[in-house]
Amino acid sequence: MTLHYTQTVVIVRAPFVVDRYGNATSERDWSSATRTTVRRVSVQPDASAEDDGDRPAVTTGLRLITRRGADIDLIPGDRVVVMGRVLDTDGDVARYVVGGRHHHTEARLKEVNA
């Protein structure tokens, strides 16, 4: 067992809000979200940025990496709770394949504080 994959995160997935006509919208209903605990992952620092314009903001980036051979049910739009912080999935989730088999999964996460 490797010592690099010792963290636990929680994936939070919210359904889309349904309008009064029964159509799904692009808005999420976070009050009805499901939570899935994922163990044995690594979360590392990634690119961060500061904006000091009219509305100062700090964007913190983290990278979630699974161990070799492990995949997780994570899609764009999900949120991930890491060490008590709630971060958004930033872009597509990367699933790497080596020799025709799944090798590992990586996802960029971001938190924006304005």
PDB file of N, CA and C in Angstrom:
ATOM      1  N   MET A   1       0.848  -1.193   0.000  1.00  0.00           N
ATOM      2  CA  MET A   1       0.000   0.000   0.000  1.00  0.00           C
ATOM      3  C   MET A   1       0.880   1.239   0.000  1.00  0.00           C
ATOM      4  N   THR A   2       0.522   2.178  -0.799  1.00  0.00           N
ATOM      5  CA  THR A   2       1.282   3.419  -0.873  1.00  0.00           C
ATOM      6  C   THR A   2       0.778   4.424   0.159  1.00  0.00           C
ATOM      7  N   LEU A   3       1.674   5.258   0.618  1.00  0.00           N
ATOM      8  CA  LEU A   3       1.310   6.249   1.631  1.00  0.00           C
ATOM      9  C   LEU A   3       0.734   7.522   1.025  1.00  0.00           C
ATOM     10  N   HIS A   4       0.710   7.623  -0.300  1.00  0.00           N
ATOM     11  CA  HIS A   4       0.245   8.853  -0.941  1.00  0.00           C
ATOM     12  C   HIS A   4      -1.276   8.982  -0.988  1.00  0.00           C
ATOM     13  N   TYR A   5      -1.990   7.891  -0.925  1.00  0.00           N
ATOM     14  CA  TYR A   5      -3.446   7.919  -1.102  1.00  0.00           C
ATOM     15  C   TYR A   5      -4.136   7.659   0.232  1.00  0.00           C
ATOM     16  N   THR A   6      -4.020   8.627   1.129  1.00  0.00           N
ATOM     17  CA  THR A   6      -4.516   8.441   2.492  1.00  0.00           C
ATOM     18  C   THR A   6      -5.682   9.351   2.841  1.00  0.00           C
ATOM     19  N   GLN A   7      -6.147  10.141   1.899  1.00  0.00           N
ATOM     20  CA  GLN A   7      -7.204  11.097   2.206  1.00  0.00           C
ATOM     21  C   GLN A   7      -8.583  10.554   1.851  1.00  0.00           C
ATOM     22  N   THR A   8      -9.582  11.107   2.528  1.00  0.00           N
ATOM     23  CA  THR A   8     -10.984  10.772   2.281  1.00  0.00           C
ATOM     24  C   THR A   8     -11.707  12.049   1.874  1.00  0.00           C
ATOM     25  N   VAL A   9     -12.522  11.953   0.822  1.00  0.00           N
ATOM     26  CA  VAL A   9     -13.315  13.092   0.361  1.00  0.00           C
ATOM     27  C   VAL A   9     -14.770  12.657   0.263  1.00  0.00           C
ATOM     28  N   VAL A  10     -15.650  13.626   0.128  1.00  0.00           N
ATOM     29  CA  VAL A  10     -17.076  13.347  -0.058  1.00  0.00           C
ATOM     30  C   VAL A  10     -17.524  14.029  -1.345  1.00  0.00           C
ATOM     31  N   ILE A  11     -18.091  13.244  -2.255  1.00  0.00           N
ATOM     32  CA  ILE A  11     -18.629  13.785  -3.502  1.00  0.00           C
ATOM     33  C   ILE A  11     -20.089  14.152  -3.265  1.00  0.00           C
ATOM     34  N   VAL A  12     -20.451  15.384  -3.604  1.00  0.00           N
ATOM     35  CA  VAL A  12     -21.813  15.879  -3.421  1.00  0.00           C
ATOM     36  C   VAL A  12     -22.412  16.114  -4.811  1.00  0.00           C
ATOM     37  N   ARG A  13     -23.508  15.406  -5.097  1.00  0.00           N
ATOM     38  CA  ARG A  13     -24.158  15.526  -6.412  1.00  0.00           C
ATOM     39  C   ARG A  13     -25.603  15.953  -6.217  1.00  0.00           C
ATOM     40  N   ALA A  14     -25.966  17.069  -6.838  1.00  0.00           N
ATOM     41  CA  ALA A  14     -27.329  17.601  -6.719  1.00  0.00           C
ATOM     42  C   ALA A  14     -28.092  17.362  -8.015  1.00  0.00           C
ATOM     43  N   PRO A  15     -29.375  17.018  -7.893  1.00  0.00           N
ATOM     44  CA  PRO A  15     -30.187  16.875  -9.109  1.00  0.00           C
ATOM     45  C   PRO A  15     -30.486  18.254  -9.697  1.00  0.00           C
ATOM     46  N   PHE A  16     -30.873  18.255 -10.956  1.00  0.00           N
ATOM     47  CA  PHE A  16     -31.259  19.510 -11.597  1.00  0.00           C
ATOM     48  C   PHE A  16     -32.658  19.909 -11.142  1.00  0.00           C
ATOM     49  N   VAL A  17     -32.876  21.212 -10.995  1.00  0.00           N
ATOM     50  CA  VAL A  17     -34.186  21.743 -10.634  1.00  0.00           C
ATOM     51  C   VAL A  17     -35.130  21.529 -11.815  1.00  0.00           C
ATOM     52  N   VAL A  18     -36.356  21.120 -11.510  1.00  0.00           N
ATOM     53  CA  VAL A  18     -37.378  20.923 -12.538  1.00  0.00           C
ATOM     54  C   VAL A  18     -38.320  22.122 -12.493  1.00  0.00           C
ATOM     55  N   ASP A  19     -38.564  22.729 -13.667  1.00  0.00           N
ATOM     56  CA  ASP A  19     -39.447  23.896 -13.699  1.00  0.00           C
ATOM     57  C   ASP A  19     -40.916  23.470 -13.618  1.00  0.00           C
ATOM     58  N   ARG A  20     -41.802  24.430 -13.604  1.00  0.00           N
ATOM     59  CA  ARG A  20     -43.225  24.133 -13.410  1.00  0.00           C
ATOM     60  C   ARG A  20     -43.837  23.355 -14.572  1.00  0.00           C
ATOM     61  N   TYR A  21     -43.097  23.247 -15.685  1.00  0.00           N
ATOM     62  CA  TYR A  21     -43.591  22.485 -16.834  1.00  0.00           C
ATOM     63  C   TYR A  21     -43.009  21.068 -16.877  1.00  0.00           C
ATOM     64  N   GLY A  22     -42.201  20.737 -15.873  1.00  0.00           N
ATOM     65  CA  GLY A  22     -41.609  19.399 -15.814  1.00  0.00           C
ATOM     66  C   GLY A  22     -40.293  19.255 -16.552  1.00  0.00           C
ATOM     67  N   ASN A  23     -39.703  20.373 -16.963  1.00  0.00           N
ATOM     68  CA  ASN A  23     -38.433  20.333 -17.687  1.00  0.00           C
ATOM     69  C   ASN A  23     -37.270  20.560 -16.727  1.00  0.00           C
ATOM     70  N   ALA A  24     -36.201  19.793 -16.908  1.00  0.00           N
ATOM     71  CA  ALA A  24     -35.002  19.993 -16.097  1.00  0.00           C
ATOM     72  C   ALA A  24     -34.315  21.279 -16.538  1.00  0.00           C
ATOM     73  N   THR A  25     -33.873  22.067 -15.569  1.00  0.00           N
ATOM     74  CA  THR A  25     -33.146  23.303 -15.853  1.00  0.00           C
ATOM     75  C   THR A  25     -31.653  23.048 -15.655  1.00  0.00           C
ATOM     76  N   SER A  26     -30.840  24.068 -15.832  1.00  0.00           N
ATOM     77  CA  SER A  26     -29.400  23.920 -15.595  1.00  0.00           C
ATOM     78  C   SER A  26     -29.031  24.247 -14.147  1.00  0.00           C
ATOM     79  N   GLU A  27     -30.013  24.640 -13.347  1.00  0.00           N
ATOM     80  CA  GLU A  27     -29.799  24.970 -11.938  1.00  0.00           C
ATOM     81  C   GLU A  27     -29.842  23.696 -11.099  1.00  0.00           C
ATOM     82  N   ARG A  28     -28.986  23.614 -10.089  1.00  0.00           N
ATOM     83  CA  ARG A  28     -28.930  22.438  -9.218  1.00  0.00           C
ATOM     84  C   ARG A  28     -29.720  22.666  -7.932  1.00  0.00           C
ATOM     85  N   ASP A  29     -30.322  21.594  -7.411  1.00  0.00           N
ATOM     86  CA  ASP A  29     -31.047  21.623  -6.138  1.00  0.00           C
ATOM     87  C   ASP A  29     -30.137  21.028  -5.066  1.00  0.00           C
ATOM     88  N   TRP A  30     -29.288  21.868  -4.473  1.00  0.00           N
ATOM     89  CA  TRP A  30     -28.301  21.380  -3.511  1.00  0.00           C
ATOM     90  C   TRP A  30     -28.934  20.895  -2.217  1.00  0.00           C
ATOM     91  N   SER A  31     -30.177  21.273  -1.938  1.00  0.00           N
ATOM     92  CA  SER A  31     -30.842  20.775  -0.724  1.00  0.00           C
ATOM     93  C   SER A  31     -31.217  19.302  -0.864  1.00  0.00           C
ATOM     94  N   SER A  32     -31.244  18.777  -2.093  1.00  0.00           N
ATOM     95  CA  SER A  32     -31.580  17.365  -2.338  1.00  0.00           C
ATOM     96  C   SER A  32     -30.363  16.560  -2.782  1.00  0.00           C
ATOM     97  N   ALA A  33     -29.188  17.058  -2.501  1.00  0.00           N
ATOM     98  CA  ALA A  33     -27.958  16.417  -2.977  1.00  0.00           C
ATOM     99  C   ALA A  33     -27.684  15.095  -2.266  1.00  0.00           C
ATOM    100  N   THR A  34     -27.039  14.182  -2.994  1.00  0.00           N
ATOM    101  CA  THR A  34     -26.567  12.927  -2.403  1.00  0.00           C
ATOM    102  C   THR A  34     -25.089  13.085  -2.081  1.00  0.00           C
ATOM    103  N   ARG A  35     -24.634  12.352  -1.070  1.00  0.00           N
ATOM    104  CA  ARG A  35     -23.245  12.428  -0.629  1.00  0.00           C
ATOM    105  C   ARG A  35     -22.633  11.034  -0.696  1.00  0.00           C
ATOM    106  N   THR A  36     -21.469  10.934  -1.325  1.00  0.00           N
ATOM    107  CA  THR A  36     -20.771   9.660  -1.462  1.00  0.00           C
ATOM    108  C   THR A  36     -19.354   9.818  -0.926  1.00  0.00           C
ATOM    109  N   THR A  37     -19.000   9.017   0.062  1.00  0.00           N
ATOM    110  CA  THR A  37     -17.658   9.063   0.638  1.00  0.00           C
ATOM    111  C   THR A  37     -16.702   8.242  -0.222  1.00  0.00           C
ATOM    112  N   VAL A  38     -15.546   8.828  -0.515  1.00  0.00           N
ATOM    113  CA  VAL A  38     -14.512   8.151  -1.305  1.00  0.00           C
ATOM    114  C   VAL A  38     -13.225   8.162  -0.489  1.00  0.00           C
ATOM    115  N   ARG A  39     -12.671   6.981  -0.268  1.00  0.00           N
ATOM    116  CA  ARG A  39     -11.456   6.839   0.532  1.00  0.00           C
ATOM    117  C   ARG A  39     -10.255   6.526  -0.362  1.00  0.00           C
ATOM    118  N   ARG A  40      -9.077   6.707   0.208  1.00  0.00           N
ATOM    119  CA  ARG A  40      -7.807   6.366  -0.438  1.00  0.00           C
ATOM    120  C   ARG A  40      -7.581   7.141  -1.733  1.00  0.00           C
ATOM    121  N   VAL A  41      -7.675   8.469  -1.631  1.00  0.00           N
ATOM    122  CA  VAL A  41      -7.337   9.357  -2.741  1.00  0.00           C
ATOM    123  C   VAL A  41      -6.242  10.312  -2.273  1.00  0.00           C
ATOM    124  N   SER A  42      -5.680  11.042  -3.209  1.00  0.00           N
ATOM    125  CA  SER A  42      -4.690  12.065  -2.896  1.00  0.00           C
ATOM    126  C   SER A  42      -5.222  13.409  -3.381  1.00  0.00           C
ATOM    127  N   VAL A  43      -5.124  14.421  -2.544  1.00  0.00           N
ATOM    128  CA  VAL A  43      -5.528  15.780  -2.922  1.00  0.00           C
ATOM    129  C   VAL A  43      -4.295  16.670  -2.768  1.00  0.00           C
ATOM    130  N   GLN A  44      -3.904  17.287  -3.884  1.00  0.00           N
ATOM    131  CA  GLN A  44      -2.675  18.074  -3.930  1.00  0.00           C
ATOM    132  C   GLN A  44      -2.980  19.509  -4.352  1.00  0.00           C
ATOM    133  N   PRO A  45      -2.116  20.462  -3.972  1.00  0.00           N
ATOM    134  CA  PRO A  45      -2.309  21.843  -4.414  1.00  0.00           C
ATOM    135  C   PRO A  45      -2.217  21.945  -5.934  1.00  0.00           C
ATOM    136  N   ASP A  46      -2.972  22.864  -6.496  1.00  0.00           N
ATOM    137  CA  ASP A  46      -2.956  23.133  -7.931  1.00  0.00           C
ATOM    138  C   ASP A  46      -2.899  24.653  -8.097  1.00  0.00           C
ATOM    139  N   ALA A  47      -3.086  25.140  -9.277  1.00  0.00           N
ATOM    140  CA  ALA A  47      -2.993  26.575  -9.551  1.00  0.00           C
ATOM    141  C   ALA A  47      -4.004  27.372  -8.730  1.00  0.00           C
ATOM    142  N   SER A  48      -3.560  28.505  -8.211  1.00  0.00           N
ATOM    143  CA  SER A  48      -4.423  29.430  -7.483  1.00  0.00           C
ATOM    144  C   SER A  48      -4.224  30.824  -8.069  1.00  0.00           C
ATOM    145  N   ALA A  49      -5.203  31.697  -7.825  1.00  0.00           N
ATOM    146  CA  ALA A  49      -5.117  33.050  -8.386  1.00  0.00           C
ATOM    147  C   ALA A  49      -5.815  34.043  -7.472  1.00  0.00           C
ATOM    148  N   GLU A  50      -5.369  35.292  -7.561  1.00  0.00           N
ATOM    149  CA  GLU A  50      -6.011  36.384  -6.833  1.00  0.00           C
ATOM    150  C   GLU A  50      -6.428  37.454  -7.830  1.00  0.00           C
ATOM    151  N   ASP A  51      -7.601  38.021  -7.609  1.00  0.00           N
ATOM    152  CA  ASP A  51      -8.091  39.122  -8.441  1.00  0.00           C
ATOM    153  C   ASP A  51      -8.359  40.287  -7.502  1.00  0.00           C
ATOM    154  N   ASP A  52      -7.691  41.392  -7.722  1.00  0.00           N
ATOM    155  CA  ASP A  52      -7.859  42.542  -6.828  1.00  0.00           C
ATOM    156  C   ASP A  52      -8.594  43.690  -7.508  1.00  0.00           C
ATOM    157  N   GLY A  53      -9.502  43.373  -8.413  1.00  0.00           N
ATOM    158  CA  GLY A  53     -10.293  44.393  -9.104  1.00  0.00           C
ATOM    159  C   GLY A  53     -11.356  44.970  -8.191  1.00  0.00           C
ATOM    160  N   ASP A  54     -12.493  45.337  -8.756  1.00  0.00           N
ATOM    161  CA  ASP A  54     -13.581  45.922  -7.982  1.00  0.00           C
ATOM    162  C   ASP A  54     -14.111  44.958  -6.923  1.00  0.00           C
ATOM    163  N   ARG A  55     -14.079  43.666  -7.231  1.00  0.00           N
ATOM    164  CA  ARG A  55     -14.514  42.637  -6.275  1.00  0.00           C
ATOM    165  C   ARG A  55     -13.359  41.673  -6.049  1.00  0.00           C
ATOM    166  N   PRO A  56     -12.526  41.929  -5.051  1.00  0.00           N
ATOM    167  CA  PRO A  56     -11.385  41.048  -4.815  1.00  0.00           C
ATOM    168  C   PRO A  56     -11.844  39.605  -4.591  1.00  0.00           C
ATOM    169  N   ALA A  57     -11.114  38.677  -5.175  1.00  0.00           N
ATOM    170  CA  ALA A  57     -11.457  37.265  -5.039  1.00  0.00           C
ATOM    171  C   ALA A  57     -10.185  36.432  -5.043  1.00  0.00           C
ATOM    172  N   VAL A  58     -10.228  35.334  -4.320  1.00  0.00           N
ATOM    173  CA  VAL A  58      -9.135  34.369  -4.307  1.00  0.00           C
ATOM    174  C   VAL A  58      -9.692  33.044  -4.809  1.00  0.00           C
ATOM    175  N   THR A  59      -9.076  32.502  -5.850  1.00  0.00           N
ATOM    176  CA  THR A  59      -9.470  31.199  -6.379  1.00  0.00           C
ATOM    177  C   THR A  59      -8.394  30.203  -5.988  1.00  0.00           C
ATOM    178  N   THR A  60      -8.787  29.193  -5.219  1.00  0.00           N
ATOM    179  CA  THR A  60      -7.866  28.161  -4.768  1.00  0.00           C
ATOM    180  C   THR A  60      -8.106  26.899  -5.575  1.00  0.00           C
ATOM    181  N   GLY A  61      -7.038  26.327  -6.100  1.00  0.00           N
ATOM    182  CA  GLY A  61      -7.157  25.105  -6.890  1.00  0.00           C
ATOM    183  C   GLY A  61      -6.528  23.915  -6.195  1.00  0.00           C
ATOM    184  N   LEU A  62      -7.196  22.782  -6.277  1.00  0.00           N
ATOM    185  CA  LEU A  62      -6.664  21.516  -5.777  1.00  0.00           C
ATOM    186  C   LEU A  62      -6.838  20.473  -6.869  1.00  0.00           C
ATOM    187  N   ARG A  63      -6.022  19.429  -6.826  1.00  0.00           N
ATOM    188  CA  ARG A  63      -6.125  18.333  -7.790  1.00  0.00           C
ATOM    189  C   ARG A  63      -6.371  17.041  -7.020  1.00  0.00           C
ATOM    190  N   LEU A  64      -7.444  16.353  -7.391  1.00  0.00           N
ATOM    191  CA  LEU A  64      -7.805  15.074  -6.783  1.00  0.00           C
ATOM    192  C   LEU A  64      -7.291  13.961  -7.693  1.00  0.00           C
ATOM    193  N   ILE A  65      -6.559  13.000  -7.123  1.00  0.00           N
ATOM    194  CA  ILE A  65      -5.958  11.915  -7.895  1.00  0.00           C
ATOM    195  C   ILE A  65      -6.288  10.593  -7.210  1.00  0.00           C
ATOM    196  N   THR A  66      -6.769   9.617  -7.994  1.00  0.00           N
ATOM    197  CA  THR A  66      -7.040   8.292  -7.428  1.00  0.00           C
ATOM    198  C   THR A  66      -5.798   7.422  -7.552  1.00  0.00           C
ATOM    199  N   ARG A  67      -5.769   6.356  -6.777  1.00  0.00           N
ATOM    200  CA  ARG A  67      -4.670   5.400  -6.879  1.00  0.00           C
ATOM    201  C   ARG A  67      -4.804   4.610  -8.183  1.00  0.00           C
ATOM    202  N   ARG A  68      -3.762   3.919  -8.540  1.00  0.00           N
ATOM    203  CA  ARG A  68      -3.746   3.148  -9.787  1.00  0.00           C
ATOM    204  C   ARG A  68      -4.866   2.105  -9.804  1.00  0.00           C
ATOM    205  N   GLY A  69      -5.603   2.078 -10.906  1.00  0.00           N
ATOM    206  CA  GLY A  69      -6.679   1.106 -11.078  1.00  0.00           C
ATOM    207  C   GLY A  69      -8.013   1.526 -10.498  1.00  0.00           C
ATOM    208  N   ALA A  70      -8.046   2.645  -9.776  1.00  0.00           N
ATOM    209  CA  ALA A  70      -9.285   3.081  -9.122  1.00  0.00           C
ATOM    210  C   ALA A  70      -9.951   4.197  -9.922  1.00  0.00           C
ATOM    211  N   ASP A  71     -11.252   4.088 -10.086  1.00  0.00           N
ATOM    212  CA  ASP A  71     -12.048   5.140 -10.710  1.00  0.00           C
ATOM    213  C   ASP A  71     -13.088   5.581  -9.689  1.00  0.00           C
ATOM    214  N   ILE A  72     -13.567   6.790  -9.804  1.00  0.00           N
ATOM    215  CA  ILE A  72     -14.601   7.285  -8.900  1.00  0.00           C
ATOM    216  C   ILE A  72     -15.739   7.864  -9.723  1.00  0.00           C
ATOM    217  N   ASP A  73     -16.919   7.877  -9.147  1.00  0.00           N
ATOM    218  CA  ASP A  73     -18.105   8.413  -9.821  1.00  0.00           C
ATOM    219  C   ASP A  73     -18.147   9.922  -9.597  1.00  0.00           C
ATOM    220  N   LEU A  74     -17.411  10.648 -10.412  1.00  0.00           N
ATOM    221  CA  LEU A  74     -17.319  12.102 -10.321  1.00  0.00           C
ATOM    222  C   LEU A  74     -17.533  12.675 -11.714  1.00  0.00           C
ATOM    223  N   ILE A  75     -18.414  13.671 -11.812  1.00  0.00           N
ATOM    224  CA  ILE A  75     -18.723  14.291 -13.100  1.00  0.00           C
ATOM    225  C   ILE A  75     -18.683  15.812 -12.953  1.00  0.00           C
ATOM    226  N   PRO A  76     -18.541  16.537 -14.077  1.00  0.00           N
ATOM    227  CA  PRO A  76     -18.602  17.999 -14.000  1.00  0.00           C
ATOM    228  C   PRO A  76     -19.916  18.443 -13.354  1.00  0.00           C
ATOM    229  N   GLY A  77     -19.838  19.442 -12.498  1.00  0.00           N
ATOM    230  CA  GLY A  77     -21.030  19.920 -11.793  1.00  0.00           C
ATOM    231  C   GLY A  77     -21.116  19.414 -10.369  1.00  0.00           C
ATOM    232  N   ASP A  78     -20.385  18.332 -10.060  1.00  0.00           N
ATOM    233  CA  ASP A  78     -20.362  17.829  -8.687  1.00  0.00           C
ATOM    234  C   ASP A  78     -19.524  18.754  -7.815  1.00  0.00           C
ATOM    235  N   ARG A  79     -19.759  18.671  -6.531  1.00  0.00           N
ATOM    236  CA  ARG A  79     -18.912  19.344  -5.551  1.00  0.00           C
ATOM    237  C   ARG A  79     -18.178  18.275  -4.758  1.00  0.00           C
ATOM    238  N   VAL A  80     -17.034  18.654  -4.199  1.00  0.00           N
ATOM    239  CA  VAL A  80     -16.231  17.715  -3.428  1.00  0.00           C
ATOM    240  C   VAL A  80     -15.861  18.382  -2.108  1.00  0.00           C
ATOM    241  N   VAL A  81     -16.109  17.687  -1.006  1.00  0.00           N
ATOM    242  CA  VAL A  81     -15.732  18.189   0.316  1.00  0.00           C
ATOM    243  C   VAL A  81     -14.359  17.609   0.644  1.00  0.00           C
ATOM    244  N   VAL A  82     -13.384  18.515   0.823  1.00  0.00           N
ATOM    245  CA  VAL A  82     -12.007  18.133   1.108  1.00  0.00           C
ATOM    246  C   VAL A  82     -11.584  18.845   2.379  1.00  0.00           C
ATOM    247  N   MET A  83     -11.270  18.107   3.417  1.00  0.00           N
ATOM    248  CA  MET A  83     -10.809  18.693   4.681  1.00  0.00           C
ATOM    249  C   MET A  83     -11.739  19.796   5.164  1.00  0.00           C
ATOM    250  N   GLY A  84     -13.052  19.578   5.031  1.00  0.00           N
ATOM    251  CA  GLY A  84     -14.045  20.525   5.503  1.00  0.00           C
ATOM    252  C   GLY A  84     -14.350  21.662   4.542  1.00  0.00           C
ATOM    253  N   ARG A  85     -13.657  21.736   3.428  1.00  0.00           N
ATOM    254  CA  ARG A  85     -13.880  22.786   2.430  1.00  0.00           C
ATOM    255  C   ARG A  85     -14.690  22.223   1.275  1.00  0.00           C
ATOM    256  N   VAL A  86     -15.641  23.001   0.781  1.00  0.00           N
ATOM    257  CA  VAL A  86     -16.473  22.574  -0.349  1.00  0.00           C
ATOM    258  C   VAL A  86     -15.916  23.208  -1.620  1.00  0.00           C
ATOM    259  N   LEU A  87     -15.527  22.350  -2.572  1.00  0.00           N
ATOM    260  CA  LEU A  87     -14.948  22.815  -3.828  1.00  0.00           C
ATOM    261  C   LEU A  87     -15.782  22.323  -4.996  1.00  0.00           C
ATOM    262  N   ASP A  88     -15.761  23.079  -6.098  1.00  0.00           N
ATOM    263  CA  ASP A  88     -16.465  22.701  -7.323  1.00  0.00           C
ATOM    264  C   ASP A  88     -15.529  21.914  -8.227  1.00  0.00           C
ATOM    265  N   THR A  89     -16.083  20.961  -8.966  1.00  0.00           N
ATOM    266  CA  THR A  89     -15.315  20.279 -10.000  1.00  0.00           C
ATOM    267  C   THR A  89     -15.073  21.281 -11.120  1.00  0.00           C
ATOM    268  N   ASP A  90     -13.822  21.439 -11.511  1.00  0.00           N
ATOM    269  CA  ASP A  90     -13.432  22.441 -12.503  1.00  0.00           C
ATOM    270  C   ASP A  90     -13.158  21.755 -13.841  1.00  0.00           C
ATOM    271  N   GLY A  91     -14.154  21.753 -14.720  1.00  0.00           N
ATOM    272  CA  GLY A  91     -13.985  21.132 -16.033  1.00  0.00           C
ATOM    273  C   GLY A  91     -14.274  19.644 -16.016  1.00  0.00           C
ATOM    274  N   ASP A  92     -13.804  18.971 -17.062  1.00  0.00           N
ATOM    275  CA  ASP A  92     -14.031  17.533 -17.187  1.00  0.00           C
ATOM    276  C   ASP A  92     -13.142  16.751 -16.231  1.00  0.00           C
ATOM    277  N   VAL A  93     -13.599  15.574 -15.863  1.00  0.00           N
ATOM    278  CA  VAL A  93     -12.825  14.649 -15.047  1.00  0.00           C
ATOM    279  C   VAL A  93     -11.988  13.808 -16.007  1.00  0.00           C
ATOM    280  N   ALA A  94     -10.678  13.720 -15.752  1.00  0.00           N
ATOM    281  CA  ALA A  94      -9.771  12.989 -16.649  1.00  0.00           C
ATOM    282  C   ALA A  94      -9.616  11.550 -16.174  1.00  0.00           C
ATOM    283  N   ARG A  95      -9.898  10.627 -17.074  1.00  0.00           N
ATOM    284  CA  ARG A  95      -9.726   9.198 -16.793  1.00  0.00           C
ATOM    285  C   ARG A  95      -8.627   8.682 -17.720  1.00  0.00           C
ATOM    286  N   TYR A  96      -7.480   8.331 -17.138  1.00  0.00           N
ATOM    287  CA  TYR A  96      -6.316   7.940 -17.925  1.00  0.00           C
ATOM    288  C   TYR A  96      -6.304   6.436 -18.165  1.00  0.00           C
ATOM    289  N   VAL A  97      -5.984   6.062 -19.399  1.00  0.00           N
ATOM    290  CA  VAL A  97      -5.944   4.663 -19.810  1.00  0.00           C
ATOM    291  C   VAL A  97      -4.525   4.333 -20.258  1.00  0.00           C
ATOM    292  N   VAL A  98      -3.991   3.214 -19.775  1.00  0.00           N
ATOM    293  CA  VAL A  98      -2.678   2.730 -20.182  1.00  0.00           C
ATOM    294  C   VAL A  98      -2.841   1.273 -20.604  1.00  0.00           C
ATOM    295  N   GLY A  99      -2.400   0.954 -21.786  1.00  0.00           N
ATOM    296  CA  GLY A  99      -2.500  -0.420 -22.272  1.00  0.00           C
ATOM    297  C   GLY A  99      -3.931  -0.909 -22.388  1.00  0.00           C
ATOM    298  N   GLY A 100      -4.854   0.010 -22.678  1.00  0.00           N
ATOM    299  CA  GLY A 100      -6.253  -0.370 -22.839  1.00  0.00           C
ATOM    300  C   GLY A 100      -7.018  -0.547 -21.545  1.00  0.00           C
ATOM    301  N   ARG A 101      -6.383  -0.259 -20.410  1.00  0.00           N
ATOM    302  CA  ARG A 101      -7.054  -0.404 -19.109  1.00  0.00           C
ATOM    303  C   ARG A 101      -7.008   0.914 -18.349  1.00  0.00           C
ATOM    304  N   HIS A 102      -8.020   1.114 -17.514  1.00  0.00           N
ATOM    305  CA  HIS A 102      -8.068   2.337 -16.698  1.00  0.00           C
ATOM    306  C   HIS A 102      -6.865   2.358 -15.761  1.00  0.00           C
ATOM    307  N   HIS A 103      -6.130   3.458 -15.768  1.00  0.00           N
ATOM    308  CA  HIS A 103      -4.961   3.580 -14.903  1.00  0.00           C
ATOM    309  C   HIS A 103      -5.286   4.371 -13.638  1.00  0.00           C
ATOM    310  N   HIS A 104      -5.790   5.592 -13.796  1.00  0.00           N
ATOM    311  CA  HIS A 104      -6.194   6.400 -12.646  1.00  0.00           C
ATOM    312  C   HIS A 104      -7.090   7.537 -13.125  1.00  0.00           C
ATOM    313  N   THR A 105      -7.674   8.255 -12.161  1.00  0.00           N
ATOM    314  CA  THR A 105      -8.575   9.369 -12.448  1.00  0.00           C
ATOM    315  C   THR A 105      -8.022  10.629 -11.788  1.00  0.00           C
ATOM    316  N   GLU A 106      -8.134  11.757 -12.487  1.00  0.00           N
ATOM    317  CA  GLU A 106      -7.735  13.048 -11.925  1.00  0.00           C
ATOM    318  C   GLU A 106      -8.833  14.069 -12.168  1.00  0.00           C
ATOM    319  N   ALA A 107      -9.002  14.965 -11.206  1.00  0.00           N
ATOM    320  CA  ALA A 107      -9.976  16.043 -11.352  1.00  0.00           C
ATOM    321  C   ALA A 107      -9.410  17.310 -10.731  1.00  0.00           C
ATOM    322  N   ARG A 108      -9.635  18.410 -11.411  1.00  0.00           N
ATOM    323  CA  ARG A 108      -9.264  19.709 -10.857  1.00  0.00           C
ATOM    324  C   ARG A 108     -10.456  20.232 -10.071  1.00  0.00           C
ATOM    325  N   LEU A 109     -10.169  20.770  -8.905  1.00  0.00           N
ATOM    326  CA  LEU A 109     -11.200  21.320  -8.027  1.00  0.00           C
ATOM    327  C   LEU A 109     -10.872  22.783  -7.775  1.00  0.00           C
ATOM    328  N   LYS A 110     -11.913  23.601  -7.576  1.00  0.00           N
ATOM    329  CA  LYS A 110     -11.647  25.013  -7.285  1.00  0.00           C
ATOM    330  C   LYS A 110     -12.628  25.540  -6.249  1.00  0.00           C
ATOM    331  N   GLU A 111     -12.121  26.505  -5.499  1.00  0.00           N
ATOM    332  CA  GLU A 111     -12.920  27.212  -4.495  1.00  0.00           C
ATOM    333  C   GLU A 111     -12.688  28.703  -4.730  1.00  0.00           C
ATOM    334  N   VAL A 112     -13.776  29.456  -4.874  1.00  0.00           N
ATOM    335  CA  VAL A 112     -13.667  30.894  -5.112  1.00  0.00           C
ATOM    336  C   VAL A 112     -14.206  31.626  -3.892  1.00  0.00           C
ATOM    337  N   ASN A 113     -13.366  32.455  -3.295  1.00  0.00           N
ATOM    338  CA  ASN A 113     -13.772  33.287  -2.161  1.00  0.00           C
ATOM    339  C   ASN A 113     -13.757  34.734  -2.610  1.00  0.00           C
ATOM    340  N   ALA A 114     -14.931  35.349  -2.600  1.00  0.00           N
ATOM    341  CA  ALA A 114     -15.016  36.746  -3.036  1.00  0.00           C
ATOM    342  C   ALA A 114     -15.280  37.649  -1.856  1.00  0.00           C
TER     343      ALA A 114
END
